Amino acid sequence: MKPESNNSSDDRIIIYIHAELEALIPRFLANRQENVNELMSAVENRDFERIRAIGHIMKGVGGGYGFDFISTLGVSVGKAAIAKNLDDVQNLAIQLADYLQRVEVEVNTVNQFSGKTVTSNHSEFN
């Protein structure tokens, strides 16, 4: 499973979002970082129900914010919880942490005069 990326020349993962979501992204990403911490804690406690619940949340919210890879990871986390596979859960949490370190958000807006889409980089989200 590999995150989507529009830039193969380096390790950045660029996600384009709609301008309406711009204010929500910092909190969204902070919550996903908390998911990493919660998953690692749940692995230590062998809390498969909590792992499944976190996977379900990730699956549901990722795509809605433009982060399809997070949804994909969420599906895998849920499956790993059902299979009671702690190694897979831990590896998926590491993948999520890595993704969050590399992801960069660019905001697409429509220029009111030209009607063309304009993209701006918001690396401060990371």
Protein backbone atom coordinates (compact mmCIF):
# COMPACT_ATOMS: atom_id res chain seq x y z
CA MET A 1 0.00 0.00 0.00
CA LYS A 2 1.62 3.23 -1.14
CA PRO A 3 0.36 6.77 -0.52
CA GLU A 4 -0.74 8.88 -3.42
CA SER A 5 1.89 11.35 -4.55
CA ASN A 6 2.13 13.77 -7.40
CA ASN A 7 5.86 14.30 -7.01
CA SER A 8 8.20 11.37 -7.58
CA SER A 9 11.39 13.44 -7.31
CA ASP A 10 11.38 13.54 -3.49
CA ASP A 11 9.62 12.14 -0.46
CA ARG A 12 6.89 14.76 -0.27
CA ILE A 13 3.30 13.72 -0.66
CA ILE A 14 1.19 16.55 -2.02
CA ILE A 15 -2.52 16.59 -1.34
CA TYR A 16 -4.75 19.12 -3.05
CA ILE A 17 -7.77 20.25 -1.08
CA HIS A 18 -10.69 22.57 -1.72
CA ALA A 19 -10.41 26.01 -0.15
CA GLU A 20 -13.51 25.33 1.98
CA LEU A 21 -11.53 22.71 3.92
CA GLU A 22 -8.47 24.87 4.54
CA ALA A 23 -9.37 25.92 8.09
CA LEU A 24 -10.16 22.33 9.09
CA ILE A 25 -6.92 20.70 7.93
CA PRO A 26 -4.61 21.54 10.85
CA ARG A 27 -7.01 19.94 13.34
CA PHE A 28 -7.65 17.02 10.99
CA LEU A 29 -3.93 16.27 10.74
CA ALA A 30 -3.45 16.69 14.51
CA ASN A 31 -6.23 14.17 15.07
CA ARG A 32 -4.56 11.70 12.72
CA GLN A 33 -1.30 12.09 14.66
CA GLU A 34 -3.30 11.29 17.78
CA ASN A 35 -4.54 8.17 15.96
CA VAL A 36 -0.90 7.04 15.67
CA ASN A 37 -0.43 7.44 19.42
CA GLU A 38 -3.74 5.72 20.19
CA LEU A 39 -2.94 2.80 17.90
CA MET A 40 0.43 2.25 19.53
CA SER A 41 -1.18 2.38 22.98
CA ALA A 42 -3.93 -0.01 21.88
CA VAL A 43 -1.29 -2.42 20.53
CA GLU A 44 0.48 -2.40 23.90
CA ASN A 45 -2.84 -3.08 25.66
CA ARG A 46 -3.99 -5.62 23.06
CA ASP A 47 -7.19 -3.59 22.76
CA PHE A 48 -8.53 -4.91 19.47
CA GLU A 49 -11.89 -3.15 19.83
CA ARG A 50 -10.16 0.23 20.19
CA ILE A 51 -7.92 -0.58 17.21
CA ARG A 52 -10.99 -1.46 15.13
CA ALA A 53 -12.72 1.76 16.18
CA ILE A 54 -9.72 3.91 15.23
CA GLY A 55 -9.51 2.15 11.86
CA HIS A 56 -13.21 2.84 11.31
CA ILE A 57 -12.73 6.54 12.07
CA MET A 58 -9.74 6.78 9.74
CA LYS A 59 -11.65 5.00 6.99
CA GLY A 60 -14.56 7.41 7.33
CA VAL A 61 -12.78 10.74 7.55
CA GLY A 62 -9.80 10.38 5.21
CA GLY A 63 -11.51 10.62 1.85
CA GLY A 64 -13.86 13.39 2.96
CA TYR A 65 -10.89 15.66 3.51
CA GLY A 66 -9.03 14.54 0.39
CA PHE A 67 -6.68 12.10 2.14
CA ASP A 68 -7.66 8.83 0.47
CA PHE A 69 -4.55 7.04 1.73
CA ILE A 70 -5.71 7.58 5.32
CA SER A 71 -9.01 5.90 4.45
CA THR A 72 -7.14 3.01 2.87
CA LEU A 73 -4.98 2.64 5.97
CA GLY A 74 -8.13 2.73 8.09
CA VAL A 75 -9.58 -0.22 6.20
CA SER A 76 -6.35 -2.15 6.75
CA VAL A 77 -6.28 -1.26 10.45
CA GLY A 78 -9.81 -2.57 10.84
CA LYS A 79 -8.94 -5.82 9.08
CA ALA A 80 -5.83 -6.24 11.22
CA ALA A 81 -7.93 -5.71 14.36
CA ILE A 82 -10.42 -8.37 13.29
CA ALA A 83 -7.52 -10.74 12.57
CA LYS A 84 -5.94 -9.78 15.93
CA ASN A 85 -2.68 -9.09 14.13
CA LEU A 86 -0.75 -6.66 16.34
CA ASP A 87 2.31 -6.63 14.07
CA ASP A 88 0.20 -5.39 11.16
CA VAL A 89 -1.45 -2.74 13.32
CA GLN A 90 1.92 -1.49 14.50
CA ASN A 91 3.25 -1.38 10.93
CA LEU A 92 0.15 0.50 9.78
CA ALA A 93 0.57 3.03 12.59
CA ILE A 94 4.17 3.55 11.47
CA GLN A 95 2.98 4.04 7.88
CA LEU A 96 0.47 6.64 9.08
CA ALA A 97 3.16 8.47 11.08
CA ASP A 98 5.47 8.47 8.05
CA TYR A 99 2.67 9.73 5.80
CA LEU A 100 1.87 12.56 8.20
CA GLN A 101 5.52 13.60 8.25
CA ARG A 102 5.72 13.78 4.46
CA VAL A 103 2.31 15.13 3.49
CA GLU A 104 2.03 18.69 2.22
CA VAL A 105 -1.27 20.40 1.59
CA GLU A 106 -1.99 22.69 -1.32
CA VAL A 107 -5.24 24.61 -1.49
CA ASN A 108 -7.13 24.91 -4.76
CA THR A 109 -9.19 28.03 -5.21
CA VAL A 110 -10.97 29.37 -8.26
CA ASN A 111 -9.93 32.82 -9.44
CA GLN A 112 -13.11 34.85 -9.56
CA PHE A 113 -11.99 36.77 -12.64
CA SER A 114 -10.51 34.05 -14.83
CA GLY A 115 -12.41 31.04 -13.52
CA LYS A 116 -9.11 29.13 -13.42
CA THR A 117 -8.04 27.01 -10.48
CA VAL A 118 -5.21 28.52 -8.46
CA THR A 119 -3.12 26.40 -6.11
CA SER A 120 -1.31 27.68 -3.03
CA ASN A 121 1.08 25.74 -0.80
CA HIS A 122 0.34 25.56 2.92
CA SER A 123 3.27 23.69 4.40
CA GLU A 124 2.45 25.21 7.80
CA PHE A 125 -0.21 22.51 8.14
CA ASN A 126 2.57 19.99 8.79
